[in-house]
Amino acid sequence: MDTKNTNQEWQEILPKSDNWDFDQNPKLEGEFVRSDERFTKEGRKFFIHILWVKDENGEGKEVKVSGGTILDPRFANCEVGTYVKITFLG
């Protein structure tokens, strides 16, 4: 998404968090930040889990991971600040 500032120049608005692509990189390691409860249009509840991940340069950013049958109960028992590793097996 783009927006114009007061000088009428376009600036890109970047999302606060990126969604992790497990097809591109099946392993994710980072510090657990929080779980956000969301609802579909049909009213079904689901979770987005947020991790703080550092890249090879030491720069950090928030990354989103969609919840599910396996991840949701595990993150429910995870304390904020815990270092976690997720490996996608298929």
PDB file of N, CA and C in Angstrom:
ATOM      1  N   MET A   1       0.850  -1.166   0.000  1.00  0.00           N
ATOM      2  CA  MET A   1       0.000   0.000   0.000  1.00  0.00           C
ATOM      3  C   MET A   1       0.896   1.229   0.000  1.00  0.00           C
ATOM      4  N   ASP A   2       0.493   2.253  -0.702  1.00  0.00           N
ATOM      5  CA  ASP A   2       1.229   3.505  -0.747  1.00  0.00           C
ATOM      6  C   ASP A   2       0.333   4.637  -0.249  1.00  0.00           C
ATOM      7  N   THR A   3       0.959   5.695   0.213  1.00  0.00           N
ATOM      8  CA  THR A   3       0.226   6.876   0.648  1.00  0.00           C
ATOM      9  C   THR A   3       1.056   8.107   0.302  1.00  0.00           C
ATOM     10  N   LYS A   4       0.398   9.257   0.219  1.00  0.00           N
ATOM     11  CA  LYS A   4       1.120  10.504  -0.042  1.00  0.00           C
ATOM     12  C   LYS A   4       1.337  11.233   1.270  1.00  0.00           C
ATOM     13  N   ASN A   5       2.554  11.785   1.440  1.00  0.00           N
ATOM     14  CA  ASN A   5       2.802  12.598   2.627  1.00  0.00           C
ATOM     15  C   ASN A   5       2.436  14.049   2.306  1.00  0.00           C
ATOM     16  N   THR A   6       2.694  14.962   3.217  1.00  0.00           N
ATOM     17  CA  THR A   6       2.305  16.361   3.026  1.00  0.00           C
ATOM     18  C   THR A   6       3.055  17.025   1.872  1.00  0.00           C
ATOM     19  N   ASN A   7       4.194  16.467   1.455  1.00  0.00           N
ATOM     20  CA  ASN A   7       4.945  17.021   0.325  1.00  0.00           C
ATOM     21  C   ASN A   7       4.480  16.426  -0.997  1.00  0.00           C
ATOM     22  N   GLN A   8       3.382  15.664  -0.982  1.00  0.00           N
ATOM     23  CA  GLN A   8       2.817  15.024  -2.166  1.00  0.00           C
ATOM     24  C   GLN A   8       3.754  14.001  -2.800  1.00  0.00           C
ATOM     25  N   GLU A   9       4.615  13.401  -2.005  1.00  0.00           N
ATOM     26  CA  GLU A   9       5.476  12.317  -2.475  1.00  0.00           C
ATOM     27  C   GLU A   9       4.911  11.004  -1.968  1.00  0.00           C
ATOM     28  N   TRP A  10       5.000   9.966  -2.784  1.00  0.00           N
ATOM     29  CA  TRP A  10       4.507   8.655  -2.385  1.00  0.00           C
ATOM     30  C   TRP A  10       5.485   7.980  -1.447  1.00  0.00           C
ATOM     31  N   GLN A  11       4.937   7.347  -0.411  1.00  0.00           N
ATOM     32  CA  GLN A  11       5.737   6.570   0.530  1.00  0.00           C
ATOM     33  C   GLN A  11       5.052   5.226   0.718  1.00  0.00           C
ATOM     34  N   GLU A  12       5.867   4.161   0.756  1.00  0.00           N
ATOM     35  CA  GLU A  12       5.322   2.831   0.966  1.00  0.00           C
ATOM     36  C   GLU A  12       5.057   2.606   2.454  1.00  0.00           C
ATOM     37  N   ILE A  13       3.896   2.038   2.769  1.00  0.00           N
ATOM     38  CA  ILE A  13       3.557   1.674   4.142  1.00  0.00           C
ATOM     39  C   ILE A  13       3.809   0.182   4.273  1.00  0.00           C
ATOM     40  N   LEU A  14       4.748  -0.171   5.117  1.00  0.00           N
ATOM     41  CA  LEU A  14       5.116  -1.570   5.300  1.00  0.00           C
ATOM     42  C   LEU A  14       4.357  -2.176   6.469  1.00  0.00           C
ATOM     43  N   PRO A  15       4.026  -3.462   6.397  1.00  0.00           N
ATOM     44  CA  PRO A  15       3.328  -4.095   7.522  1.00  0.00           C
ATOM     45  C   PRO A  15       4.228  -4.180   8.742  1.00  0.00           C
ATOM     46  N   LYS A  16       3.601  -4.199   9.918  1.00  0.00           N
ATOM     47  CA  LYS A  16       4.357  -4.301  11.165  1.00  0.00           C
ATOM     48  C   LYS A  16       5.030  -5.668  11.277  1.00  0.00           C
ATOM     49  N   SER A  17       4.366  -6.705  10.787  1.00  0.00           N
ATOM     50  CA  SER A  17       4.898  -8.056  10.853  1.00  0.00           C
ATOM     51  C   SER A  17       4.799  -8.706   9.485  1.00  0.00           C
ATOM     52  N   ASP A  18       5.705  -9.627   9.222  1.00  0.00           N
ATOM     53  CA  ASP A  18       5.671 -10.410   7.996  1.00  0.00           C
ATOM     54  C   ASP A  18       5.148 -11.799   8.312  1.00  0.00           C
ATOM     55  N   ASN A  19       4.423 -12.386   7.353  1.00  0.00           N
ATOM     56  CA  ASN A  19       4.014 -13.779   7.492  1.00  0.00           C
ATOM     57  C   ASN A  19       5.173 -14.662   7.076  1.00  0.00           C
ATOM     58  N   TRP A  20       5.469 -15.671   7.886  1.00  0.00           N
ATOM     59  CA  TRP A  20       6.567 -16.579   7.576  1.00  0.00           C
ATOM     60  C   TRP A  20       6.127 -17.534   6.476  1.00  0.00           C
ATOM     61  N   ASP A  21       6.973 -17.748   5.480  1.00  0.00           N
ATOM     62  CA  ASP A  21       6.685 -18.659   4.383  1.00  0.00           C
ATOM     63  C   ASP A  21       7.447 -19.963   4.609  1.00  0.00           C
ATOM     64  N   PHE A  22       6.753 -20.971   5.127  1.00  0.00           N
ATOM     65  CA  PHE A  22       7.399 -22.246   5.423  1.00  0.00           C
ATOM     66  C   PHE A  22       7.751 -23.024   4.158  1.00  0.00           C
ATOM     67  N   ASP A  23       7.115 -22.716   3.025  1.00  0.00           N
ATOM     68  CA  ASP A  23       7.503 -23.354   1.761  1.00  0.00           C
ATOM     69  C   ASP A  23       8.886 -22.877   1.342  1.00  0.00           C
ATOM     70  N   GLN A  24       9.172 -21.609   1.587  1.00  0.00           N
ATOM     71  CA  GLN A  24      10.464 -21.024   1.227  1.00  0.00           C
ATOM     72  C   GLN A  24      11.551 -21.402   2.234  1.00  0.00           C
ATOM     73  N   ASN A  25      11.198 -21.416   3.524  1.00  0.00           N
ATOM     74  CA  ASN A  25      12.154 -21.746   4.577  1.00  0.00           C
ATOM     75  C   ASN A  25      11.414 -22.539   5.663  1.00  0.00           C
ATOM     76  N   PRO A  26      11.585 -23.871   5.697  1.00  0.00           N
ATOM     77  CA  PRO A  26      10.786 -24.709   6.605  1.00  0.00           C
ATOM     78  C   PRO A  26      11.160 -24.604   8.084  1.00  0.00           C
ATOM     79  N   LYS A  27      12.220 -23.882   8.422  1.00  0.00           N
ATOM     80  CA  LYS A  27      12.606 -23.732   9.835  1.00  0.00           C
ATOM     81  C   LYS A  27      12.531 -22.274  10.255  1.00  0.00           C
ATOM     82  N   LEU A  28      11.999 -22.064  11.444  1.00  0.00           N
ATOM     83  CA  LEU A  28      11.870 -20.717  11.999  1.00  0.00           C
ATOM     84  C   LEU A  28      12.290 -20.772  13.460  1.00  0.00           C
ATOM     85  N   GLU A  29      13.180 -19.875  13.851  1.00  0.00           N
ATOM     86  CA  GLU A  29      13.615 -19.757  15.236  1.00  0.00           C
ATOM     87  C   GLU A  29      13.464 -18.310  15.668  1.00  0.00           C
ATOM     88  N   GLY A  30      12.967 -18.108  16.877  1.00  0.00           N
ATOM     89  CA  GLY A  30      12.839 -16.757  17.385  1.00  0.00           C
ATOM     90  C   GLY A  30      12.248 -16.738  18.782  1.00  0.00           C
ATOM     91  N   GLU A  31      12.113 -15.542  19.305  1.00  0.00           N
ATOM     92  CA  GLU A  31      11.580 -15.332  20.638  1.00  0.00           C
ATOM     93  C   GLU A  31      10.072 -15.121  20.560  1.00  0.00           C
ATOM     94  N   PHE A  32       9.323 -15.872  21.367  1.00  0.00           N
ATOM     95  CA  PHE A  32       7.870 -15.750  21.388  1.00  0.00           C
ATOM     96  C   PHE A  32       7.466 -14.398  21.975  1.00  0.00           C
ATOM     97  N   VAL A  33       6.642 -13.663  21.216  1.00  0.00           N
ATOM     98  CA  VAL A  33       6.183 -12.335  21.648  1.00  0.00           C
ATOM     99  C   VAL A  33       4.758 -12.399  22.191  1.00  0.00           C
ATOM    100  N   ARG A  34       3.841 -12.979  21.392  1.00  0.00           N
ATOM    101  CA  ARG A  34       2.442 -13.053  21.825  1.00  0.00           C
ATOM    102  C   ARG A  34       1.636 -13.895  20.833  1.00  0.00           C
ATOM    103  N   SER A  35       0.412 -14.223  21.241  1.00  0.00           N
ATOM    104  CA  SER A  35      -0.562 -14.856  20.352  1.00  0.00           C
ATOM    105  C   SER A  35      -1.763 -13.926  20.257  1.00  0.00           C
ATOM    106  N   ASP A  36      -2.210 -13.656  19.047  1.00  0.00           N
ATOM    107  CA  ASP A  36      -3.369 -12.799  18.825  1.00  0.00           C
ATOM    108  C   ASP A  36      -4.564 -13.653  18.404  1.00  0.00           C
ATOM    109  N   GLU A  37      -5.678 -13.479  19.103  1.00  0.00           N
ATOM    110  CA  GLU A  37      -6.904 -14.182  18.764  1.00  0.00           C
ATOM    111  C   GLU A  37      -7.629 -13.397  17.678  1.00  0.00           C
ATOM    112  N   ARG A  38      -8.030 -14.076  16.625  1.00  0.00           N
ATOM    113  CA  ARG A  38      -8.759 -13.446  15.512  1.00  0.00           C
ATOM    114  C   ARG A  38     -10.003 -14.270  15.208  1.00  0.00           C
ATOM    115  N   PHE A  39     -10.885 -13.706  14.373  1.00  0.00           N
ATOM    116  CA  PHE A  39     -12.106 -14.402  13.977  1.00  0.00           C
ATOM    117  C   PHE A  39     -12.309 -14.276  12.472  1.00  0.00           C
ATOM    118  N   THR A  40     -12.774 -15.375  11.857  1.00  0.00           N
ATOM    119  CA  THR A  40     -13.089 -15.349  10.429  1.00  0.00           C
ATOM    120  C   THR A  40     -14.419 -14.628  10.240  1.00  0.00           C
ATOM    121  N   LYS A  41     -14.796 -14.393   8.995  1.00  0.00           N
ATOM    122  CA  LYS A  41     -16.089 -13.763   8.697  1.00  0.00           C
ATOM    123  C   LYS A  41     -17.245 -14.613   9.211  1.00  0.00           C
ATOM    124  N   GLU A  42     -17.014 -15.926   9.274  1.00  0.00           N
ATOM    125  CA  GLU A  42     -18.040 -16.844   9.755  1.00  0.00           C
ATOM    126  C   GLU A  42     -18.059 -16.958  11.276  1.00  0.00           C
ATOM    127  N   GLY A  43     -17.150 -16.268  11.963  1.00  0.00           N
ATOM    128  CA  GLY A  43     -17.117 -16.258  13.413  1.00  0.00           C
ATOM    129  C   GLY A  43     -16.248 -17.326  14.047  1.00  0.00           C
ATOM    130  N   ARG A  44     -15.499 -18.080  13.235  1.00  0.00           N
ATOM    131  CA  ARG A  44     -14.600 -19.092  13.794  1.00  0.00           C
ATOM    132  C   ARG A  44     -13.329 -18.434  14.329  1.00  0.00           C
ATOM    133  N   LYS A  45     -12.899 -18.914  15.485  1.00  0.00           N
ATOM    134  CA  LYS A  45     -11.708 -18.357  16.130  1.00  0.00           C
ATOM    135  C   LYS A  45     -10.447 -19.014  15.571  1.00  0.00           C
ATOM    136  N   PHE A  46      -9.394 -18.203  15.406  1.00  0.00           N
ATOM    137  CA  PHE A  46      -8.081 -18.728  15.053  1.00  0.00           C
ATOM    138  C   PHE A  46      -7.026 -17.833  15.678  1.00  0.00           C
ATOM    139  N   PHE A  47      -5.782 -18.314  15.685  1.00  0.00           N
ATOM    140  CA  PHE A  47      -4.704 -17.569  16.319  1.00  0.00           C
ATOM    141  C   PHE A  47      -3.602 -17.248  15.319  1.00  0.00           C
ATOM    142  N   ILE A  48      -2.985 -16.102  15.528  1.00  0.00           N
ATOM    143  CA  ILE A  48      -1.756 -15.705  14.849  1.00  0.00           C
ATOM    144  C   ILE A  48      -0.704 -15.587  15.954  1.00  0.00           C
ATOM    145  N   HIS A  49       0.390 -16.306  15.805  1.00  0.00           N
ATOM    146  CA  HIS A  49       1.458 -16.279  16.805  1.00  0.00           C
ATOM    147  C   HIS A  49       2.582 -15.387  16.282  1.00  0.00           C
ATOM    148  N   ILE A  50       3.080 -14.511  17.134  1.00  0.00           N
ATOM    149  CA  ILE A  50       4.093 -13.534  16.744  1.00  0.00           C
ATOM    150  C   ILE A  50       5.423 -13.910  17.396  1.00  0.00           C
ATOM    151  N   LEU A  51       6.475 -13.967  16.562  1.00  0.00           N
ATOM    152  CA  LEU A  51       7.827 -14.235  17.037  1.00  0.00           C
ATOM    153  C   LEU A  51       8.733 -13.073  16.666  1.00  0.00           C
ATOM    154  N   TRP A  52       9.757 -12.825  17.470  1.00  0.00           N
ATOM    155  CA  TRP A  52      10.800 -11.843  17.163  1.00  0.00           C
ATOM    156  C   TRP A  52      11.981 -12.621  16.606  1.00  0.00           C
ATOM    157  N   VAL A  53      12.305 -12.366  15.336  1.00  0.00           N
ATOM    158  CA  VAL A  53      13.317 -13.136  14.621  1.00  0.00           C
ATOM    159  C   VAL A  53      14.444 -12.207  14.198  1.00  0.00           C
ATOM    160  N   LYS A  54      15.682 -12.659  14.397  1.00  0.00           N
ATOM    161  CA  LYS A  54      16.846 -11.890  13.951  1.00  0.00           C
ATOM    162  C   LYS A  54      17.385 -12.504  12.666  1.00  0.00           C
ATOM    163  N   ASP A  55      17.793 -11.633  11.721  1.00  0.00           N
ATOM    164  CA  ASP A  55      18.381 -12.123  10.478  1.00  0.00           C
ATOM    165  C   ASP A  55      19.889 -12.293  10.649  1.00  0.00           C
ATOM    166  N   GLU A  56      20.564 -12.650   9.562  1.00  0.00           N
ATOM    167  CA  GLU A  56      22.006 -12.907   9.631  1.00  0.00           C
ATOM    168  C   GLU A  56      22.820 -11.672  10.010  1.00  0.00           C
ATOM    169  N   ASN A  57      22.237 -10.475   9.860  1.00  0.00           N
ATOM    170  CA  ASN A  57      22.923  -9.235  10.228  1.00  0.00           C
ATOM    171  C   ASN A  57      22.626  -8.808  11.672  1.00  0.00           C
ATOM    172  N   GLY A  58      21.817  -9.592  12.367  1.00  0.00           N
ATOM    173  CA  GLY A  58      21.467  -9.252  13.738  1.00  0.00           C
ATOM    174  C   GLY A  58      20.292  -8.311  13.857  1.00  0.00           C
ATOM    175  N   GLU A  59      19.702  -7.927  12.722  1.00  0.00           N
ATOM    176  CA  GLU A  59      18.521  -7.064  12.734  1.00  0.00           C
ATOM    177  C   GLU A  59      17.293  -7.902  13.078  1.00  0.00           C
ATOM    178  N   GLY A  60      16.421  -7.373  13.894  1.00  0.00           N
ATOM    179  CA  GLY A  60      15.241  -8.121  14.299  1.00  0.00           C
ATOM    180  C   GLY A  60      13.958  -7.569  13.713  1.00  0.00           C
ATOM    181  N   LYS A  61      12.955  -8.442  13.603  1.00  0.00           N
ATOM    182  CA  LYS A  61      11.629  -8.034  13.152  1.00  0.00           C
ATOM    183  C   LYS A  61      10.602  -9.036  13.658  1.00  0.00           C
ATOM    184  N   GLU A  62       9.356  -8.602  13.729  1.00  0.00           N
ATOM    185  CA  GLU A  62       8.271  -9.490  14.107  1.00  0.00           C
ATOM    186  C   GLU A  62       7.847 -10.311  12.902  1.00  0.00           C
ATOM    187  N   VAL A  63       7.574 -11.597  13.153  1.00  0.00           N
ATOM    188  CA  VAL A  63       7.125 -12.507  12.107  1.00  0.00           C
ATOM    189  C   VAL A  63       5.860 -13.200  12.596  1.00  0.00           C
ATOM    190  N   LYS A  64       4.857 -13.313  11.706  1.00  0.00           N
ATOM    191  CA  LYS A  64       3.595 -13.962  12.038  1.00  0.00           C
ATOM    192  C   LYS A  64       3.614 -15.415  11.597  1.00  0.00           C
ATOM    193  N   VAL A  65       3.030 -16.260  12.427  1.00  0.00           N
ATOM    194  CA  VAL A  65       2.848 -17.673  12.107  1.00  0.00           C
ATOM    195  C   VAL A  65       1.381 -18.000  12.354  1.00  0.00           C
ATOM    196  N   SER A  66       0.712 -18.540  11.343  1.00  0.00           N
ATOM    197  CA  SER A  66      -0.685 -18.942  11.510  1.00  0.00           C
ATOM    198  C   SER A  66      -0.774 -20.126  12.455  1.00  0.00           C
ATOM    199  N   GLY A  67      -1.741 -20.072  13.339  1.00  0.00           N
ATOM    200  CA  GLY A  67      -1.937 -21.155  14.289  1.00  0.00           C
ATOM    201  C   GLY A  67      -2.606 -22.353  13.635  1.00  0.00           C
ATOM    202  N   GLY A  68      -2.812 -23.369  14.429  1.00  0.00           N
ATOM    203  CA  GLY A  68      -3.463 -24.583  13.948  1.00  0.00           C
ATOM    204  C   GLY A  68      -3.574 -25.599  15.062  1.00  0.00           C
ATOM    205  N   THR A  69      -4.014 -26.788  14.710  1.00  0.00           N
ATOM    206  CA  THR A  69      -4.262 -27.852  15.669  1.00  0.00           C
ATOM    207  C   THR A  69      -3.040 -28.197  16.500  1.00  0.00           C
ATOM    208  N   ILE A  70      -1.866 -28.189  15.886  1.00  0.00           N
ATOM    209  CA  ILE A  70      -0.640 -28.547  16.599  1.00  0.00           C
ATOM    210  C   ILE A  70      -0.049 -27.337  17.332  1.00  0.00           C
ATOM    211  N   LEU A  71       0.044 -26.202  16.649  1.00  0.00           N
ATOM    212  CA  LEU A  71       0.744 -25.044  17.231  1.00  0.00           C
ATOM    213  C   LEU A  71      -0.025 -24.350  18.357  1.00  0.00           C
ATOM    214  N   ASP A  72      -1.341 -24.214  18.217  1.00  0.00           N
ATOM    215  CA  ASP A  72      -2.107 -23.443  19.204  1.00  0.00           C
ATOM    216  C   ASP A  72      -1.941 -23.945  20.637  1.00  0.00           C
ATOM    217  N   PRO A  73      -2.094 -25.252  20.905  1.00  0.00           N
ATOM    218  CA  PRO A  73      -1.914 -25.698  22.297  1.00  0.00           C
ATOM    219  C   PRO A  73      -0.486 -25.548  22.794  1.00  0.00           C
ATOM    220  N   ARG A  74       0.471 -25.660  21.888  1.00  0.00           N
ATOM    221  CA  ARG A  74       1.868 -25.517  22.310  1.00  0.00           C
ATOM    222  C   ARG A  74       2.185 -24.073  22.681  1.00  0.00           C
ATOM    223  N   PHE A  75       1.687 -23.131  21.881  1.00  0.00           N
ATOM    224  CA  PHE A  75       1.913 -21.725  22.208  1.00  0.00           C
ATOM    225  C   PHE A  75       1.104 -21.294  23.422  1.00  0.00           C
ATOM    226  N   ALA A  76      -0.015 -21.954  23.695  1.00  0.00           N
ATOM    227  CA  ALA A  76      -0.822 -21.624  24.878  1.00  0.00           C
ATOM    228  C   ALA A  76      -0.029 -21.859  26.159  1.00  0.00           C
ATOM    229  N   ASN A  77       0.915 -22.800  26.105  1.00  0.00           N
ATOM    230  CA  ASN A  77       1.743 -23.113  27.276  1.00  0.00           C
ATOM    231  C   ASN A  77       3.124 -22.468  27.216  1.00  0.00           C
ATOM    232  N   CYS A  78       3.321 -21.574  26.269  1.00  0.00           N
ATOM    233  CA  CYS A  78       4.626 -20.939  26.063  1.00  0.00           C
ATOM    234  C   CYS A  78       4.638 -19.552  26.720  1.00  0.00           C
ATOM    235  N   GLU A  79       5.652 -19.290  27.511  1.00  0.00           N
ATOM    236  CA  GLU A  79       5.767 -17.983  28.158  1.00  0.00           C
ATOM    237  C   GLU A  79       6.395 -16.974  27.206  1.00  0.00           C
ATOM    238  N   VAL A  80       5.958 -15.732  27.293  1.00  0.00           N
ATOM    239  CA  VAL A  80       6.539 -14.651  26.503  1.00  0.00           C
ATOM    240  C   VAL A  80       8.035 -14.591  26.790  1.00  0.00           C
ATOM    241  N   GLY A  81       8.830 -14.452  25.731  1.00  0.00           N
ATOM    242  CA  GLY A  81      10.276 -14.386  25.872  1.00  0.00           C
ATOM    243  C   GLY A  81      10.972 -15.715  25.661  1.00  0.00           C
ATOM    244  N   THR A  82      10.186 -16.801  25.561  1.00  0.00           N
ATOM    245  CA  THR A  82      10.770 -18.124  25.334  1.00  0.00           C
ATOM    246  C   THR A  82      11.292 -18.218  23.903  1.00  0.00           C
ATOM    247  N   TYR A  83      12.483 -18.751  23.734  1.00  0.00           N
ATOM    248  CA  TYR A  83      13.067 -18.956  22.409  1.00  0.00           C
ATOM    249  C   TYR A  83      12.500 -20.259  21.870  1.00  0.00           C
ATOM    250  N   VAL A  84      11.887 -20.203  20.676  1.00  0.00           N
ATOM    251  CA  VAL A  84      11.238 -21.368  20.100  1.00  0.00           C
ATOM    252  C   VAL A  84      11.779 -21.661  18.715  1.00  0.00           C
ATOM    253  N   LYS A  85      11.633 -22.903  18.294  1.00  0.00           N
ATOM    254  CA  LYS A  85      12.010 -23.325  16.942  1.00  0.00           C
ATOM    255  C   LYS A  85      10.841 -24.123  16.378  1.00  0.00           C
ATOM    256  N   ILE A  86      10.414 -23.759  15.166  1.00  0.00           N
ATOM    257  CA  ILE A  86       9.342 -24.455  14.463  1.00  0.00           C
ATOM    258  C   ILE A  86       9.943 -25.036  13.196  1.00  0.00           C
ATOM    259  N   THR A  87       9.724 -26.335  12.975  1.00  0.00           N
ATOM    260  CA  THR A  87      10.163 -26.985  11.761  1.00  0.00           C
ATOM    261  C   THR A  87       8.946 -27.546  11.048  1.00  0.00           C
ATOM    262  N   PHE A  88       8.709 -27.087   9.825  1.00  0.00           N
ATOM    263  CA  PHE A  88       7.575 -27.543   9.016  1.00  0.00           C
ATOM    264  C   PHE A  88       7.948 -28.856   8.346  1.00  0.00           C
ATOM    265  N   LEU A  89       7.160 -29.895   8.596  1.00  0.00           N
ATOM    266  CA  LEU A  89       7.470 -31.214   8.057  1.00  0.00           C
ATOM    267  C   LEU A  89       6.589 -31.617   6.875  1.00  0.00           C
ATOM    268  N   GLY A  90       5.647 -30.757   6.504  1.00  0.00           N
ATOM    269  CA  GLY A  90       4.815 -31.080   5.349  1.00  0.00           C
ATOM    270  C   GLY A  90       3.361 -30.935   5.579  1.00  0.00           C
TER     271      GLY A  90
END
